[in-house]
Amino acid sequence: MTEELYLPDNEYQREFEAEVAKSRETTEGDHGGYICLDRTLFYKEGGGQPADTGTIHWGENKSKVVDVQRDHGEIRHYIQGELPEAETDIKGEIDWERRYKHMRMHTAQHVVSWVVLNRYSASTAGNQIHEDYSRIDFEPADFDEGDVEKIERSVNTLIERELEVEKKYMSREQVEEAVEEGRTNLDIIPEHVDPLRIVIIGENDLCPCGGTHVGNIKEIGKINLTDRKSKGAEVERLEFELEE
């Protein structure tokens, strides 16, 4: 099993060393195959957040990591270029610019979800993080333009408080007792996942999440809510961007 080095609170590390546990060539997609490592800093796609990309180095060789997925219980790093053989020692380096954008965006999603739950009792039904914009689906919700302005103002006011973001492990029982109803869907997290990695903003917002996040919400910058769409009965989608 691959050790995920960015958990629970190590999102700012950019380089690491590891050993190739498995190397497989394939003919699918725009890559030559995949490798599994004994340890990694690369984030695998999940929870609405895309995978990290970057590079691996070994000897005089260098190849690109173009995708990272969990498949059949393995964390597979899909490689564009030559594949190192099993038992090869490699050095990995993540694309930091991409990683940091995702960290800011994912933390922003938590803040927006927190505000909407508190003001409108609407839960997060889904989300998708991108580098340049992101979206969140809420239900039950029926926002108007005035609501969108209020949400944006409340979110940016909260960011100005510069709250710390804590990431740690907690037992499933502790999380079930502490998480506010509607804040997350614990029932979709397999029972065997225990303890859970949680993200705590300030002293009030606690949410199980395996994604990458900043250490203080001030790093998010200013949020601009750019679009509102109805996605069906009592489901509203909000899209947002971050100012640099």
C-alpha atoms as a PDB file:
ATOM      1  CA  MET A   1       0.000   0.000   0.000  1.00  0.00           C
ATOM      2  CA  THR A   2       1.291   3.434  -0.943  1.00  0.00           C
ATOM      3  CA  GLU A   3       1.975   5.878   1.898  1.00  0.00           C
ATOM      4  CA  GLU A   4       0.312   9.216   1.087  1.00  0.00           C
ATOM      5  CA  LEU A   5       2.863  11.716   2.319  1.00  0.00           C
ATOM      6  CA  TYR A   6       0.650  14.814   2.059  1.00  0.00           C
ATOM      7  CA  LEU A   7      -1.698  13.465   4.751  1.00  0.00           C
ATOM      8  CA  PRO A   8      -2.822  14.560   7.198  1.00  0.00           C
ATOM      9  CA  ASP A   9      -1.139  18.001   7.132  1.00  0.00           C
ATOM     10  CA  ASN A  10       1.748  18.098   4.678  1.00  0.00           C
ATOM     11  CA  GLU A  11       0.380  19.773   1.555  1.00  0.00           C
ATOM     12  CA  TYR A  12       3.257  22.245   1.162  1.00  0.00           C
ATOM     13  CA  GLN A  13       6.037  19.705   0.531  1.00  0.00           C
ATOM     14  CA  ARG A  14       6.933  19.662  -3.152  1.00  0.00           C
ATOM     15  CA  GLU A  15       9.575  16.934  -3.610  1.00  0.00           C
ATOM     16  CA  PHE A  16      10.024  13.419  -2.265  1.00  0.00           C
ATOM     17  CA  GLU A  17      11.963  10.199  -2.749  1.00  0.00           C
ATOM     18  CA  ALA A  18      10.381   6.802  -3.246  1.00  0.00           C
ATOM     19  CA  GLU A  19      10.866   3.305  -4.655  1.00  0.00           C
ATOM     20  CA  VAL A  20       8.905   1.922  -7.599  1.00  0.00           C
ATOM     21  CA  ALA A  21       6.797  -0.973  -6.332  1.00  0.00           C
ATOM     22  CA  LYS A  22       5.209  -1.804  -9.699  1.00  0.00           C
ATOM     23  CA  SER A  23       5.719  -0.764 -13.308  1.00  0.00           C
ATOM     24  CA  ARG A  24       3.256  -1.570 -16.098  1.00  0.00           C
ATOM     25  CA  GLU A  25       3.195  -0.546 -19.767  1.00  0.00           C
ATOM     26  CA  THR A  26      -0.190   0.105 -21.382  1.00  0.00           C
ATOM     27  CA  THR A  27      -1.507   1.282 -24.742  1.00  0.00           C
ATOM     28  CA  GLU A  28      -4.412   3.286 -23.342  1.00  0.00           C
ATOM     29  CA  GLY A  29      -4.658   7.087 -23.314  1.00  0.00           C
ATOM     30  CA  ASP A  30      -1.801   9.518 -23.960  1.00  0.00           C
ATOM     31  CA  HIS A  31       0.624   7.789 -21.621  1.00  0.00           C
ATOM     32  CA  GLY A  32       2.906   4.798 -21.832  1.00  0.00           C
ATOM     33  CA  GLY A  33       1.807   3.113 -18.646  1.00  0.00           C
ATOM     34  CA  TYR A  34       1.808   3.564 -14.916  1.00  0.00           C
ATOM     35  CA  ILE A  35       3.906   3.015 -11.833  1.00  0.00           C
ATOM     36  CA  CYS A  36       2.997   2.406  -8.200  1.00  0.00           C
ATOM     37  CA  LEU A  37       5.262   3.803  -5.504  1.00  0.00           C
ATOM     38  CA  ASP A  38       5.876   2.836  -1.894  1.00  0.00           C
ATOM     39  CA  ARG A  39       5.234   6.488  -0.938  1.00  0.00           C
ATOM     40  CA  THR A  40       3.992   9.562  -2.790  1.00  0.00           C
ATOM     41  CA  LEU A  41       3.209  13.257  -2.550  1.00  0.00           C
ATOM     42  CA  PHE A  42       1.029  13.162  -5.662  1.00  0.00           C
ATOM     43  CA  TYR A  43      -2.673  13.651  -4.935  1.00  0.00           C
ATOM     44  CA  LYS A  44      -4.874  11.037  -6.596  1.00  0.00           C
ATOM     45  CA  GLU A  45      -8.076  12.323  -8.187  1.00  0.00           C
ATOM     46  CA  GLY A  46     -11.046  12.211  -5.832  1.00  0.00           C
ATOM     47  CA  GLY A  47     -13.576  14.214  -3.851  1.00  0.00           C
ATOM     48  CA  GLY A  48     -14.142  16.572  -6.770  1.00  0.00           C
ATOM     49  CA  GLN A  49     -10.438  17.483  -6.905  1.00  0.00           C
ATOM     50  CA  PRO A  50      -8.256  16.634  -9.942  1.00  0.00           C
ATOM     51  CA  ALA A  51      -5.016  14.726  -9.570  1.00  0.00           C
ATOM     52  CA  ASP A  52      -1.637  16.354  -9.174  1.00  0.00           C
ATOM     53  CA  THR A  53       0.769  16.304 -12.081  1.00  0.00           C
ATOM     54  CA  GLY A  54       4.535  16.694 -12.111  1.00  0.00           C
ATOM     55  CA  THR A  55       7.735  14.823 -12.897  1.00  0.00           C
ATOM     56  CA  ILE A  56       9.797  11.864 -11.751  1.00  0.00           C
ATOM     57  CA  HIS A  57      13.572  11.587 -12.025  1.00  0.00           C
ATOM     58  CA  TRP A  58      15.875   8.553 -11.812  1.00  0.00           C
ATOM     59  CA  GLY A  59      19.486   8.463 -12.931  1.00  0.00           C
ATOM     60  CA  GLU A  60      19.697  10.576 -16.086  1.00  0.00           C
ATOM     61  CA  ASN A  61      16.027   9.959 -16.885  1.00  0.00           C
ATOM     62  CA  LYS A  62      13.023  12.222 -16.471  1.00  0.00           C
ATOM     63  CA  SER A  63       9.345  11.569 -17.260  1.00  0.00           C
ATOM     64  CA  LYS A  64       6.057  13.370 -16.707  1.00  0.00           C
ATOM     65  CA  VAL A  65       3.324  12.280 -14.304  1.00  0.00           C
ATOM     66  CA  VAL A  66       0.145  13.205 -16.198  1.00  0.00           C
ATOM     67  CA  ASP A  67      -2.518  11.615 -13.962  1.00  0.00           C
ATOM     68  CA  VAL A  68      -2.893   9.791 -10.650  1.00  0.00           C
ATOM     69  CA  GLN A  69      -5.793   7.436  -9.943  1.00  0.00           C
ATOM     70  CA  ARG A  70      -6.775   4.818  -7.396  1.00  0.00           C
ATOM     71  CA  ASP A  71      -7.575   1.616  -9.277  1.00  0.00           C
ATOM     72  CA  HIS A  72      -7.977  -1.897  -7.845  1.00  0.00           C
ATOM     73  CA  GLY A  73      -6.666  -0.641  -4.518  1.00  0.00           C
ATOM     74  CA  GLU A  74      -3.506   0.799  -6.067  1.00  0.00           C
ATOM     75  CA  ILE A  75      -2.429   4.414  -6.473  1.00  0.00           C
ATOM     76  CA  ARG A  76      -1.347   4.478 -10.106  1.00  0.00           C
ATOM     77  CA  HIS A  77       0.887   7.260 -11.431  1.00  0.00           C
ATOM     78  CA  TYR A  78       0.364   7.462 -15.197  1.00  0.00           C
ATOM     79  CA  ILE A  79       3.579   8.331 -17.005  1.00  0.00           C
ATOM     80  CA  GLN A  80       4.249  10.143 -20.269  1.00  0.00           C
ATOM     81  CA  GLY A  81       7.691   9.022 -21.324  1.00  0.00           C
ATOM     82  CA  GLU A  82       9.943   6.193 -20.204  1.00  0.00           C
ATOM     83  CA  LEU A  83       8.829   4.064 -17.255  1.00  0.00           C
ATOM     84  CA  PRO A  84      11.289   3.212 -14.484  1.00  0.00           C
ATOM     85  CA  GLU A  85      11.469  -0.477 -13.610  1.00  0.00           C
ATOM     86  CA  ALA A  86      10.280  -1.946 -10.322  1.00  0.00           C
ATOM     87  CA  GLU A  87      12.660  -1.443  -7.372  1.00  0.00           C
ATOM     88  CA  THR A  88      14.060   1.733  -8.964  1.00  0.00           C
ATOM     89  CA  ASP A  89      14.632   4.662  -6.620  1.00  0.00           C
ATOM     90  CA  ILE A  90      13.035   7.815  -7.978  1.00  0.00           C
ATOM     91  CA  LYS A  91      12.674  11.458  -7.008  1.00  0.00           C
ATOM     92  CA  GLY A  92       9.233  12.987  -7.539  1.00  0.00           C
ATOM     93  CA  GLU A  93       8.331  16.650  -7.909  1.00  0.00           C
ATOM     94  CA  ILE A  94       4.755  17.897  -8.063  1.00  0.00           C
ATOM     95  CA  ASP A  95       3.602  20.793 -10.230  1.00  0.00           C
ATOM     96  CA  TRP A  96       3.419  23.269  -7.377  1.00  0.00           C
ATOM     97  CA  GLU A  97       1.499  25.990  -9.233  1.00  0.00           C
ATOM     98  CA  ARG A  98      -1.284  23.518 -10.046  1.00  0.00           C
ATOM     99  CA  ARG A  99      -1.253  22.014  -6.532  1.00  0.00           C
ATOM    100  CA  TYR A 100      -1.498  25.417  -4.829  1.00  0.00           C
ATOM    101  CA  LYS A 101      -4.391  26.529  -7.028  1.00  0.00           C
ATOM    102  CA  HIS A 102      -6.249  23.369  -6.049  1.00  0.00           C
ATOM    103  CA  MET A 103      -5.416  23.953  -2.371  1.00  0.00           C
ATOM    104  CA  ARG A 104      -6.895  27.443  -2.505  1.00  0.00           C
ATOM    105  CA  MET A 105      -9.921  26.341  -4.513  1.00  0.00           C
ATOM    106  CA  HIS A 106     -10.736  23.342  -2.325  1.00  0.00           C
ATOM    107  CA  THR A 107     -10.468  25.383   0.856  1.00  0.00           C
ATOM    108  CA  ALA A 108     -12.678  28.044  -0.745  1.00  0.00           C
ATOM    109  CA  GLN A 109     -15.264  25.352  -1.473  1.00  0.00           C
ATOM    110  CA  HIS A 110     -15.322  24.475   2.222  1.00  0.00           C
ATOM    111  CA  VAL A 111     -15.860  28.115   3.190  1.00  0.00           C
ATOM    112  CA  VAL A 112     -18.679  28.653   0.683  1.00  0.00           C
ATOM    113  CA  SER A 113     -20.357  25.401   1.783  1.00  0.00           C
ATOM    114  CA  TRP A 114     -20.054  26.431   5.429  1.00  0.00           C
ATOM    115  CA  VAL A 115     -21.675  29.833   4.779  1.00  0.00           C
ATOM    116  CA  VAL A 116     -24.519  28.397   2.684  1.00  0.00           C
ATOM    117  CA  LEU A 117     -25.281  25.688   5.233  1.00  0.00           C
ATOM    118  CA  ASN A 118     -25.404  28.225   8.070  1.00  0.00           C
ATOM    119  CA  ARG A 119     -27.466  30.850   6.202  1.00  0.00           C
ATOM    120  CA  TYR A 120     -29.777  28.680   4.109  1.00  0.00           C
ATOM    121  CA  SER A 121     -29.619  25.158   5.640  1.00  0.00           C
ATOM    122  CA  ALA A 122     -28.617  23.847   2.209  1.00  0.00           C
ATOM    123  CA  SER A 123     -26.188  20.927   2.058  1.00  0.00           C
ATOM    124  CA  THR A 124     -23.422  20.386  -0.464  1.00  0.00           C
ATOM    125  CA  ALA A 125     -24.671  17.771  -2.939  1.00  0.00           C
ATOM    126  CA  GLY A 126     -21.569  17.804  -5.130  1.00  0.00           C
ATOM    127  CA  ASN A 127     -18.588  19.870  -6.162  1.00  0.00           C
ATOM    128  CA  GLN A 128     -15.873  20.039  -8.799  1.00  0.00           C
ATOM    129  CA  ILE A 129     -12.560  21.820  -8.354  1.00  0.00           C
ATOM    130  CA  HIS A 130     -10.609  23.322 -11.267  1.00  0.00           C
ATOM    131  CA  GLU A 131      -7.555  25.555 -11.451  1.00  0.00           C
ATOM    132  CA  ASP A 132      -9.391  28.615 -12.773  1.00  0.00           C
ATOM    133  CA  TYR A 133     -12.926  28.128 -11.445  1.00  0.00           C
ATOM    134  CA  SER A 134     -14.961  25.699  -9.344  1.00  0.00           C
ATOM    135  CA  ARG A 135     -18.592  24.792  -8.738  1.00  0.00           C
ATOM    136  CA  ILE A 136     -20.762  23.548  -5.889  1.00  0.00           C
ATOM    137  CA  ASP A 137     -24.265  22.065  -6.004  1.00  0.00           C
ATOM    138  CA  PHE A 138     -26.557  22.764  -3.056  1.00  0.00           C
ATOM    139  CA  GLU A 139     -29.839  21.220  -1.966  1.00  0.00           C
ATOM    140  CA  PRO A 140     -32.468  22.049  -0.970  1.00  0.00           C
ATOM    141  CA  ALA A 141     -31.854  25.499  -2.414  1.00  0.00           C
ATOM    142  CA  ASP A 142     -33.593  28.174  -4.485  1.00  0.00           C
ATOM    143  CA  PHE A 143     -31.273  31.179  -4.591  1.00  0.00           C
ATOM    144  CA  ASP A 144     -31.983  34.531  -6.223  1.00  0.00           C
ATOM    145  CA  GLU A 145     -29.439  37.191  -7.213  1.00  0.00           C
ATOM    146  CA  GLY A 146     -29.767  38.845  -3.836  1.00  0.00           C
ATOM    147  CA  ASP A 147     -28.872  35.578  -2.120  1.00  0.00           C
ATOM    148  CA  VAL A 148     -25.791  35.183  -4.309  1.00  0.00           C
ATOM    149  CA  GLU A 149     -24.597  38.688  -3.350  1.00  0.00           C
ATOM    150  CA  LYS A 150     -25.143  37.928   0.336  1.00  0.00           C
ATOM    151  CA  ILE A 151     -23.251  34.635   0.094  1.00  0.00           C
ATOM    152  CA  GLU A 152     -20.294  36.261  -1.670  1.00  0.00           C
ATOM    153  CA  ARG A 153     -20.157  39.083   0.857  1.00  0.00           C
ATOM    154  CA  SER A 154     -20.370  36.703   3.824  1.00  0.00           C
ATOM    155  CA  VAL A 155     -17.675  34.416   2.418  1.00  0.00           C
ATOM    156  CA  ASN A 156     -15.216  37.264   1.824  1.00  0.00           C
ATOM    157  CA  THR A 157     -15.938  38.721   5.258  1.00  0.00           C
ATOM    158  CA  LEU A 158     -15.143  35.329   6.770  1.00  0.00           C
ATOM    159  CA  ILE A 159     -11.889  35.083   4.801  1.00  0.00           C
ATOM    160  CA  GLU A 160     -10.833  38.450   6.220  1.00  0.00           C
ATOM    161  CA  ARG A 161     -10.859  36.841   9.674  1.00  0.00           C
ATOM    162  CA  GLU A 162      -7.762  34.847   8.612  1.00  0.00           C
ATOM    163  CA  LEU A 163      -8.845  31.620  10.319  1.00  0.00           C
ATOM    164  CA  GLU A 164      -6.377  28.768  10.636  1.00  0.00           C
ATOM    165  CA  VAL A 165      -7.082  25.522   8.784  1.00  0.00           C
ATOM    166  CA  GLU A 166      -6.248  22.418  10.802  1.00  0.00           C
ATOM    167  CA  LYS A 167      -5.952  18.975   9.242  1.00  0.00           C
ATOM    168  CA  LYS A 168      -5.764  15.841  11.364  1.00  0.00           C
ATOM    169  CA  TYR A 169      -7.093  12.324  11.892  1.00  0.00           C
ATOM    170  CA  MET A 170     -10.101  11.614  14.100  1.00  0.00           C
ATOM    171  CA  SER A 171     -11.926   8.397  14.869  1.00  0.00           C
ATOM    172  CA  ARG A 172     -15.139   7.832  12.951  1.00  0.00           C
ATOM    173  CA  GLU A 173     -17.102   7.912  16.205  1.00  0.00           C
ATOM    174  CA  GLN A 174     -15.662  11.315  17.132  1.00  0.00           C
ATOM    175  CA  VAL A 175     -16.445  12.689  13.671  1.00  0.00           C
ATOM    176  CA  GLU A 176     -20.034  11.418  13.751  1.00  0.00           C
ATOM    177  CA  GLU A 177     -20.537  13.217  17.068  1.00  0.00           C
ATOM    178  CA  ALA A 178     -18.857  16.455  15.959  1.00  0.00           C
ATOM    179  CA  VAL A 179     -19.947  16.999  12.348  1.00  0.00           C
ATOM    180  CA  GLU A 180     -22.928  19.288  11.874  1.00  0.00           C
ATOM    181  CA  GLU A 181     -25.883  17.624  10.169  1.00  0.00           C
ATOM    182  CA  GLY A 182     -25.834  18.375   6.453  1.00  0.00           C
ATOM    183  CA  ARG A 183     -22.136  19.295   6.414  1.00  0.00           C
ATOM    184  CA  THR A 184     -21.072  16.013   4.816  1.00  0.00           C
ATOM    185  CA  ASN A 185     -22.416  12.657   3.722  1.00  0.00           C
ATOM    186  CA  LEU A 186     -20.706  10.301   6.117  1.00  0.00           C
ATOM    187  CA  ASP A 187     -22.861   7.438   4.909  1.00  0.00           C
ATOM    188  CA  ILE A 188     -21.032   7.367   1.563  1.00  0.00           C
ATOM    189  CA  ILE A 189     -17.647   6.900   3.266  1.00  0.00           C
ATOM    190  CA  PRO A 190     -17.039   3.141   3.671  1.00  0.00           C
ATOM    191  CA  GLU A 191     -17.349   1.918   7.252  1.00  0.00           C
ATOM    192  CA  HIS A 192     -13.826   0.477   7.205  1.00  0.00           C
ATOM    193  CA  VAL A 193     -12.339   3.971   6.742  1.00  0.00           C
ATOM    194  CA  ASP A 194     -11.426   4.758  10.335  1.00  0.00           C
ATOM    195  CA  PRO A 195      -9.874   7.049  11.424  1.00  0.00           C
ATOM    196  CA  LEU A 196     -10.994   9.805   9.064  1.00  0.00           C
ATOM    197  CA  ARG A 197      -8.902  12.713   7.879  1.00  0.00           C
ATOM    198  CA  ILE A 198     -10.761  15.917   8.743  1.00  0.00           C
ATOM    199  CA  VAL A 199     -10.383  19.599   7.905  1.00  0.00           C
ATOM    200  CA  ILE A 200     -11.223  22.155  10.605  1.00  0.00           C
ATOM    201  CA  ILE A 201     -11.589  25.861   9.804  1.00  0.00           C
ATOM    202  CA  GLY A 202     -11.455  28.057  12.883  1.00  0.00           C
ATOM    203  CA  GLU A 203     -13.179  26.388  15.804  1.00  0.00           C
ATOM    204  CA  ASN A 204     -16.554  25.686  14.224  1.00  0.00           C
ATOM    205  CA  ASP A 205     -16.350  24.114  10.765  1.00  0.00           C
ATOM    206  CA  LEU A 206     -15.326  20.454  10.730  1.00  0.00           C
ATOM    207  CA  CYS A 207     -15.577  18.270   7.638  1.00  0.00           C
ATOM    208  CA  PRO A 208     -14.084  14.894   6.639  1.00  0.00           C
ATOM    209  CA  CYS A 209     -12.009  15.467   3.494  1.00  0.00           C
ATOM    210  CA  GLY A 210      -8.959  13.903   1.892  1.00  0.00           C
ATOM    211  CA  GLY A 211      -8.173  16.846  -0.385  1.00  0.00           C
ATOM    212  CA  THR A 212      -5.356  19.366  -0.225  1.00  0.00           C
ATOM    213  CA  HIS A 213      -5.923  22.653   1.597  1.00  0.00           C
ATOM    214  CA  VAL A 214      -4.130  25.841   2.605  1.00  0.00           C
ATOM    215  CA  GLY A 215      -3.040  26.486   6.185  1.00  0.00           C
ATOM    216  CA  ASN A 216      -5.016  29.705   6.641  1.00  0.00           C
ATOM    217  CA  ILE A 217      -8.086  30.890   4.737  1.00  0.00           C
ATOM    218  CA  LYS A 218      -6.397  34.240   4.066  1.00  0.00           C
ATOM    219  CA  GLU A 219      -4.439  32.391   1.341  1.00  0.00           C
ATOM    220  CA  ILE A 220      -7.678  31.928  -0.605  1.00  0.00           C
ATOM    221  CA  GLY A 221      -7.826  35.611  -1.491  1.00  0.00           C
ATOM    222  CA  LYS A 222     -11.114  37.102  -2.614  1.00  0.00           C
ATOM    223  CA  ILE A 223     -13.924  34.904  -3.961  1.00  0.00           C
ATOM    224  CA  ASN A 224     -16.129  36.040  -6.843  1.00  0.00           C
ATOM    225  CA  LEU A 225     -19.366  34.110  -7.379  1.00  0.00           C
ATOM    226  CA  THR A 226     -19.694  34.197 -11.152  1.00  0.00           C
ATOM    227  CA  ASP A 227     -22.781  32.144 -12.000  1.00  0.00           C
ATOM    228  CA  ARG A 228     -25.923  30.552 -10.579  1.00  0.00           C
ATOM    229  CA  LYS A 229     -27.775  27.719 -12.303  1.00  0.00           C
ATOM    230  CA  SER A 230     -30.775  25.592 -11.453  1.00  0.00           C
ATOM    231  CA  LYS A 231     -29.863  21.905 -11.713  1.00  0.00           C
ATOM    232  CA  GLY A 232     -33.310  20.491 -10.980  1.00  0.00           C
ATOM    233  CA  ALA A 233     -35.884  20.536  -8.205  1.00  0.00           C
ATOM    234  CA  GLU A 234     -34.364  22.357  -5.208  1.00  0.00           C
ATOM    235  CA  VAL A 235     -30.804  21.996  -6.532  1.00  0.00           C
ATOM    236  CA  GLU A 236     -28.778  25.145  -7.221  1.00  0.00           C
ATOM    237  CA  ARG A 237     -25.257  25.346  -8.651  1.00  0.00           C
ATOM    238  CA  LEU A 238     -22.914  28.190  -7.730  1.00  0.00           C
ATOM    239  CA  GLU A 239     -19.715  28.787  -9.699  1.00  0.00           C
ATOM    240  CA  PHE A 240     -16.844  30.857  -8.359  1.00  0.00           C
ATOM    241  CA  GLU A 241     -13.399  32.170  -9.201  1.00  0.00           C
ATOM    242  CA  LEU A 242     -10.544  33.394  -7.015  1.00  0.00           C
ATOM    243  CA  GLU A 243      -8.703  36.680  -7.412  1.00  0.00           C
ATOM    244  CA  GLU A 244      -4.925  36.339  -7.454  1.00  0.00           C
END
